[in-house]
Amino acid sequence: MALPLIQQHLAADMATVDRVIRERLHSEVALVSQVADYIISAGGKRLRPALVVLSSRAHGVIDARVHELAAIIEFIHTATLLHDDVVDESALRRGRETANAAFGNAPAVLVGDFLYSRAFQMMVSIGSMRVMEVLADATNIIAEGEVLQLMNCNDPDIDEAAYLRVIRYKTAKLFEASTRLGAVLGGADAAREAAMAAYGMHLGTAFQLVDDILDYSGDPSSTGKNVGDDLAEGKPTLPLIHVIRHGDAREAALVRQAIEEGGCADVEAVLAAIRRTGALDYARGVAEAELGLARTALEALEPSPDREVLLSLTVFAADRDH
């Protein structure tokens, strides 16, 4: 099932989620509303809130709590993007200026704080300590992942295990929370809840792996990023780790230096090393293994149209170009 069909399947619910997002974005402080609206209106796939809806529907729940939780997840995600772009000194996201480039670092950080705190205000309205626990734990682990990534930047000695740990904390944790929440709302037992969390975690890990592949192979008009942006920031992602581990001495030294120094001066030589060592194919194989585990986790769900869409997302994750 292609992304347009997935979006069509969820159109009514996601329209409601978007309405909730707009309503909850309101602030009496004009700059807060302006910056928040700028980043939210940039669009994106809204994948994480869609996962809340799909998981909830697969457990027989679709009510106002679902749409509220989906909006909460989007606010937490958006807050991380605002802070991430400041830390990375990014100027472009989804093909347009980042909020920090458009408004400055201070407004971007402070509006990110607003979105985090607004999300926690909204959590209270759900009236579930378990929901609060899931989201509080996820937010804390995401913050740890951000710090881990910062520590790993410009370090060419980061290995695959350390790289995957950052992904699981920084990216996959919110996917995991999104799919777990549907099981929580549906009153699922511990085994079902764990299966849904595993699906989200493996799907989120694969999504980030594919993002890291696209950083060296994607079309900037589709990805909204320039080729080699991760290299410019000195991020030791899996394609680079693979070259260091399996390239010849010259290639390994080249990539190590590129990670240590950042910048894109040697991007063409690095791309050539990535191609020669099959680094993108290797990374894609790791992503496919994660998606296989995600599909296995979904065996805990009874057959339904929503389960089929969750399965189809594992195909989209592998095949996407943005």
Protein backbone atom coordinates (compact mmCIF):
# COMPACT_ATOMS: atom_id res chain seq x y z
CA MET A 1 0.00 0.00 0.00
CA ALA A 2 1.55 3.30 -1.12
CA LEU A 3 1.66 6.32 1.17
CA PRO A 4 -1.28 8.10 -0.56
CA LEU A 5 -3.49 5.05 0.12
CA ILE A 6 -2.32 4.95 3.74
CA GLN A 7 -3.14 8.64 4.08
CA GLN A 8 -6.54 8.07 2.48
CA HIS A 9 -7.26 5.28 4.99
CA LEU A 10 -6.58 7.72 7.83
CA ALA A 11 -7.90 10.92 6.25
CA ALA A 12 -10.84 11.56 8.59
CA ASP A 13 -8.90 10.83 11.77
CA MET A 14 -5.86 12.83 10.71
CA ALA A 15 -8.06 15.81 9.82
CA THR A 16 -9.34 15.68 13.40
CA VAL A 17 -5.79 15.40 14.72
CA ASP A 18 -4.76 18.46 12.69
CA ARG A 19 -7.69 20.39 14.15
CA VAL A 20 -6.64 19.45 17.68
CA ILE A 21 -3.06 20.50 16.89
CA ARG A 22 -4.23 23.91 15.69
CA GLU A 23 -6.43 24.42 18.73
CA ARG A 24 -3.75 23.41 21.23
CA LEU A 25 -1.10 25.56 19.56
CA HIS A 26 -2.87 28.72 20.68
CA SER A 27 -0.91 31.06 22.91
CA GLU A 28 -1.52 34.63 24.03
CA VAL A 29 2.17 35.27 23.26
CA ALA A 30 2.27 36.12 19.56
CA LEU A 31 5.81 34.90 18.86
CA VAL A 32 5.04 31.50 20.40
CA SER A 33 2.09 31.02 18.07
CA GLN A 34 4.06 32.34 15.09
CA VAL A 35 7.05 30.02 15.50
CA ALA A 36 4.95 26.99 16.47
CA ASP A 37 2.64 27.48 13.50
CA TYR A 38 5.67 27.89 11.20
CA ILE A 39 7.15 24.52 12.14
CA ILE A 40 3.85 22.62 12.34
CA SER A 41 2.61 24.01 9.01
CA ALA A 42 5.77 22.69 7.32
CA GLY A 43 3.81 19.45 7.09
CA GLY A 44 5.74 16.22 7.01
CA LYS A 45 4.34 12.72 6.98
CA ARG A 46 2.68 12.98 10.44
CA LEU A 47 3.77 9.37 10.80
CA ARG A 48 4.00 9.23 14.58
CA PRO A 49 0.48 10.56 15.22
CA ALA A 50 -0.78 8.23 12.49
CA LEU A 51 0.75 5.31 14.41
CA VAL A 52 -1.20 6.33 17.52
CA VAL A 53 -4.41 6.29 15.48
CA LEU A 54 -3.66 2.98 13.76
CA SER A 55 -2.62 1.19 16.94
CA SER A 56 -5.68 2.49 18.79
CA ARG A 57 -8.03 1.46 16.00
CA ALA A 58 -6.42 -1.97 15.84
CA HIS A 59 -7.38 -2.30 19.53
CA GLY A 60 -10.96 -1.15 18.97
CA VAL A 61 -10.53 2.38 20.29
CA ILE A 62 -11.24 5.56 18.38
CA ASP A 63 -12.37 8.51 20.45
CA ALA A 64 -11.25 11.98 21.49
CA ARG A 65 -8.41 10.56 23.61
CA VAL A 66 -6.81 9.07 20.51
CA HIS A 67 -6.75 12.37 18.64
CA GLU A 68 -5.46 14.19 21.72
CA LEU A 69 -2.64 11.65 22.15
CA ALA A 70 -1.77 11.85 18.47
CA ALA A 71 -1.44 15.64 18.80
CA ILE A 72 0.68 15.21 21.94
CA ILE A 73 3.04 12.92 20.05
CA GLU A 74 3.34 15.46 17.22
CA PHE A 75 4.11 18.25 19.71
CA ILE A 76 6.86 16.21 21.36
CA HIS A 77 8.29 15.33 17.95
CA THR A 78 8.16 18.96 16.80
CA ALA A 79 9.86 20.13 20.00
CA THR A 80 12.72 17.71 19.35
CA LEU A 81 13.06 19.03 15.79
CA LEU A 82 13.26 22.63 17.00
CA HIS A 83 15.95 21.79 19.53
CA ASP A 84 17.77 19.45 17.11
CA ASP A 85 18.07 22.11 14.43
CA VAL A 86 19.56 24.56 16.91
CA VAL A 87 22.10 22.00 18.16
CA ASP A 88 23.01 20.98 14.60
CA GLU A 89 22.99 24.60 13.35
CA SER A 90 20.73 23.40 10.53
CA ALA A 91 19.38 25.91 8.02
CA LEU A 92 17.11 23.64 5.97
CA ARG A 93 14.38 21.15 6.86
CA ARG A 94 11.73 19.73 4.51
CA GLY A 95 13.01 22.02 1.79
CA ARG A 96 12.61 25.33 3.61
CA GLU A 97 14.30 27.39 6.29
CA THR A 98 14.41 25.88 9.76
CA ALA A 99 12.72 27.84 12.54
CA ASN A 100 16.08 28.80 14.01
CA ALA A 101 17.20 30.14 10.63
CA ALA A 102 13.95 32.09 10.21
CA PHE A 103 13.47 33.39 13.76
CA GLY A 104 16.77 32.83 15.58
CA ASN A 105 18.04 30.23 18.04
CA ALA A 106 16.48 31.67 21.19
CA PRO A 107 12.86 31.70 19.89
CA ALA A 108 13.30 28.19 18.44
CA VAL A 109 14.54 26.75 21.76
CA LEU A 110 11.90 28.51 23.83
CA VAL A 111 9.03 27.51 21.55
CA GLY A 112 10.34 23.95 21.71
CA ASP A 113 10.02 24.24 25.50
CA PHE A 114 6.48 25.56 25.05
CA LEU A 115 5.53 22.56 22.93
CA TYR A 116 6.97 20.11 25.47
CA SER A 117 5.09 21.75 28.33
CA ARG A 118 1.88 22.04 26.31
CA ALA A 119 2.14 18.32 25.54
CA PHE A 120 2.33 17.55 29.25
CA GLN A 121 -0.66 19.80 29.97
CA MET A 122 -2.61 17.79 27.40
CA MET A 123 -1.47 14.47 28.90
CA VAL A 124 -3.18 15.35 32.15
CA SER A 125 -6.51 15.64 30.32
CA ILE A 126 -6.28 11.97 29.26
CA GLY A 127 -6.61 10.94 32.92
CA SER A 128 -4.32 7.89 32.73
CA MET A 129 -1.20 7.45 34.84
CA ARG A 130 -0.02 4.71 32.46
CA VAL A 131 -0.21 7.13 29.52
CA MET A 132 1.71 9.71 31.57
CA GLU A 133 4.33 7.08 32.44
CA VAL A 134 4.84 6.01 28.81
CA LEU A 135 5.19 9.57 27.54
CA ALA A 136 7.33 10.83 30.42
CA ASP A 137 9.73 7.90 30.00
CA ALA A 138 9.85 8.39 26.22
CA THR A 139 10.57 12.11 26.51
CA ASN A 140 13.37 11.48 29.00
CA ILE A 141 14.99 8.80 26.85
CA ILE A 142 14.75 10.98 23.73
CA ALA A 143 16.65 13.71 25.61
CA GLU A 144 19.31 11.15 26.55
CA GLY A 145 19.53 10.16 22.89
CA GLU A 146 20.10 13.77 21.88
CA VAL A 147 22.96 14.02 24.36
CA LEU A 148 24.43 10.70 23.18
CA GLN A 149 24.38 11.90 19.59
CA LEU A 150 26.08 15.13 20.62
CA MET A 151 28.79 13.12 22.41
CA ASN A 152 29.25 10.88 19.36
CA CYS A 153 29.67 13.73 16.86
CA ASN A 154 33.17 13.99 15.38
CA ASP A 155 34.11 10.62 16.94
CA PRO A 156 35.21 8.13 14.26
CA ASP A 157 35.58 5.34 16.84
CA ILE A 158 31.80 4.98 17.32
CA ASP A 159 30.81 1.42 16.46
CA GLU A 160 27.56 0.00 15.10
CA ALA A 161 26.18 -0.87 18.55
CA ALA A 162 26.71 2.69 19.83
CA TYR A 163 25.16 4.10 16.66
CA LEU A 164 22.08 1.88 17.02
CA ARG A 165 21.74 2.87 20.67
CA VAL A 166 21.43 6.53 19.64
CA ILE A 167 18.77 5.64 17.05
CA ARG A 168 16.75 3.60 19.55
CA TYR A 169 16.83 6.44 22.07
CA LYS A 170 16.57 9.50 19.84
CA THR A 171 14.23 8.36 17.05
CA ALA A 172 12.71 4.95 17.67
CA LYS A 173 11.54 5.70 21.22
CA LEU A 174 8.75 8.02 20.06
CA PHE A 175 7.65 5.46 17.45
CA GLU A 176 7.59 2.89 20.24
CA ALA A 177 5.54 5.15 22.51
CA SER A 178 3.10 5.91 19.67
CA THR A 179 2.25 2.27 19.01
CA ARG A 180 2.34 1.29 22.68
CA LEU A 181 -0.26 3.96 23.52
CA GLY A 182 -2.89 2.35 21.30
CA ALA A 183 -2.50 -0.90 23.23
CA VAL A 184 -2.69 1.02 26.53
CA LEU A 185 -5.93 2.76 25.51
CA GLY A 186 -7.34 -0.57 24.36
CA GLY A 187 -6.61 -2.25 27.72
CA ALA A 188 -4.29 -4.81 26.10
CA ASP A 189 -2.43 -7.28 28.29
CA ALA A 190 1.30 -6.92 28.95
CA ALA A 191 2.30 -9.24 26.09
CA ARG A 192 0.24 -7.36 23.50
CA GLU A 193 1.50 -4.02 24.78
CA ALA A 194 5.09 -5.25 24.53
CA ALA A 195 4.48 -6.51 20.97
CA MET A 196 3.11 -3.15 19.87
CA ALA A 197 6.05 -1.37 21.50
CA ALA A 198 8.45 -3.71 19.68
CA TYR A 199 6.75 -3.00 16.35
CA GLY A 200 7.16 0.74 16.85
CA MET A 201 10.75 0.45 18.03
CA HIS A 202 11.85 -1.68 15.07
CA LEU A 203 9.91 0.46 12.57
CA GLY A 204 11.43 3.64 14.00
CA THR A 205 14.93 2.18 13.91
CA ALA A 206 14.48 1.23 10.26
CA PHE A 207 13.13 4.68 9.43
CA GLN A 208 16.25 6.34 10.81
CA LEU A 209 18.51 3.85 9.04
CA VAL A 210 16.83 4.69 5.74
CA ASP A 211 17.16 8.42 6.53
CA ASP A 212 20.88 7.87 7.01
CA ILE A 213 21.06 5.99 3.70
CA LEU A 214 19.19 8.80 1.91
CA ASP A 215 21.68 11.32 3.28
CA TYR A 216 24.18 9.80 0.83
CA SER A 217 21.84 8.74 -1.97
CA GLY A 218 18.67 10.83 -1.88
CA ASP A 219 17.48 13.58 -4.20
CA PRO A 220 17.57 16.88 -2.26
CA SER A 221 14.32 17.94 -3.95
CA SER A 222 12.63 14.91 -2.35
CA THR A 223 14.45 14.70 0.98
CA GLY A 224 14.59 18.43 1.68
CA LYS A 225 18.24 17.98 2.69
CA ASN A 226 21.54 18.33 0.92
CA VAL A 227 23.56 15.18 0.18
CA GLY A 228 26.19 14.78 2.89
CA ASP A 229 24.50 16.93 5.56
CA ASP A 230 25.28 14.29 8.19
CA LEU A 231 28.91 14.26 7.10
CA ALA A 232 29.05 18.05 7.34
CA GLU A 233 27.92 17.74 10.97
CA GLY A 234 30.47 15.03 11.75
CA LYS A 235 27.82 12.38 12.47
CA PRO A 236 29.20 8.82 12.36
CA THR A 237 26.21 7.08 10.76
CA LEU A 238 26.16 3.45 9.65
CA PRO A 239 27.36 3.96 6.05
CA LEU A 240 30.45 5.73 7.37
CA ILE A 241 31.01 3.17 10.12
CA HIS A 242 30.87 0.45 7.45
CA VAL A 243 33.54 2.19 5.34
CA ILE A 244 35.86 2.56 8.32
CA ARG A 245 35.39 -1.12 9.13
CA HIS A 246 35.54 -2.57 5.59
CA GLY A 247 37.28 0.02 3.39
CA ASP A 248 40.96 -0.02 2.57
CA ALA A 249 43.39 2.02 4.64
CA ARG A 250 43.02 5.11 2.46
CA GLU A 251 39.23 5.03 2.55
CA ALA A 252 39.10 4.42 6.30
CA ALA A 253 41.51 7.28 6.95
CA LEU A 254 39.51 9.57 4.65
CA VAL A 255 36.24 8.88 6.44
CA ARG A 256 37.79 9.12 9.89
CA GLN A 257 39.18 12.54 9.02
CA ALA A 258 35.85 13.66 7.53
CA ILE A 259 34.01 12.69 10.73
CA GLU A 260 36.60 14.36 12.95
CA GLU A 261 36.63 17.62 11.02
CA GLY A 262 33.07 17.83 9.68
CA GLY A 263 32.35 19.78 6.54
CA CYS A 264 31.86 18.50 3.00
CA ALA A 265 35.28 19.18 1.46
CA ASP A 266 35.81 15.47 0.73
CA VAL A 267 32.19 14.50 0.13
CA GLU A 268 32.78 13.15 -3.40
CA ALA A 269 35.65 10.93 -2.23
CA VAL A 270 33.58 9.74 0.73
CA LEU A 271 30.65 8.94 -1.59
CA ALA A 272 33.00 6.93 -3.80
CA ALA A 273 34.20 4.95 -0.76
CA ILE A 274 30.62 4.35 0.32
CA ARG A 275 29.75 2.99 -3.12
CA ARG A 276 32.85 0.81 -3.44
CA THR A 277 32.40 -0.85 -0.05
CA GLY A 278 28.67 -1.47 -0.49
CA ALA A 279 27.95 0.58 2.63
CA LEU A 280 24.44 1.60 1.57
CA ASP A 281 23.48 -1.99 0.74
CA TYR A 282 24.78 -3.08 4.13
CA ALA A 283 22.81 -0.39 5.94
CA ARG A 284 19.70 -1.28 3.96
CA GLY A 285 20.12 -4.91 5.01
CA VAL A 286 20.19 -3.84 8.66
CA ALA A 287 17.03 -1.79 8.06
CA GLU A 288 15.31 -4.77 6.39
CA ALA A 289 16.16 -6.96 9.40
CA GLU A 290 14.54 -4.39 11.69
CA LEU A 291 11.44 -4.31 9.50
CA GLY A 292 11.25 -8.10 9.59
CA LEU A 293 11.16 -7.92 13.39
CA ALA A 294 8.43 -5.26 13.17
CA ARG A 295 6.31 -7.56 10.98
CA THR A 296 6.80 -10.43 13.40
CA ALA A 297 5.63 -8.27 16.30
CA LEU A 298 2.37 -7.55 14.46
CA GLU A 299 1.47 -11.24 14.59
CA ALA A 300 0.14 -10.44 18.07
CA LEU A 301 -2.71 -8.47 16.48
CA GLU A 302 -5.88 -9.96 15.06
CA PRO A 303 -6.33 -9.42 11.30
CA SER A 304 -7.93 -6.08 10.48
CA PRO A 305 -7.61 -3.27 7.91
CA ASP A 306 -5.57 -1.28 10.42
CA ARG A 307 -3.18 -4.18 10.97
CA GLU A 308 -2.73 -4.34 7.20
CA VAL A 309 -1.85 -0.64 7.11
CA LEU A 310 0.66 -1.15 9.93
CA LEU A 311 2.19 -3.94 7.86
CA SER A 312 2.22 -1.78 4.74
CA LEU A 313 4.17 0.90 6.63
CA THR A 314 7.07 -1.55 6.88
CA VAL A 315 7.14 -1.67 3.06
CA PHE A 316 6.90 2.10 2.76
CA ALA A 317 9.73 2.50 5.27
CA ALA A 318 12.02 0.38 3.11
CA ASP A 319 11.09 1.81 -0.28
CA ARG A 320 10.67 5.51 0.41
CA ASP A 321 12.78 8.22 -1.18
CA HIS A 322 12.07 10.96 1.37
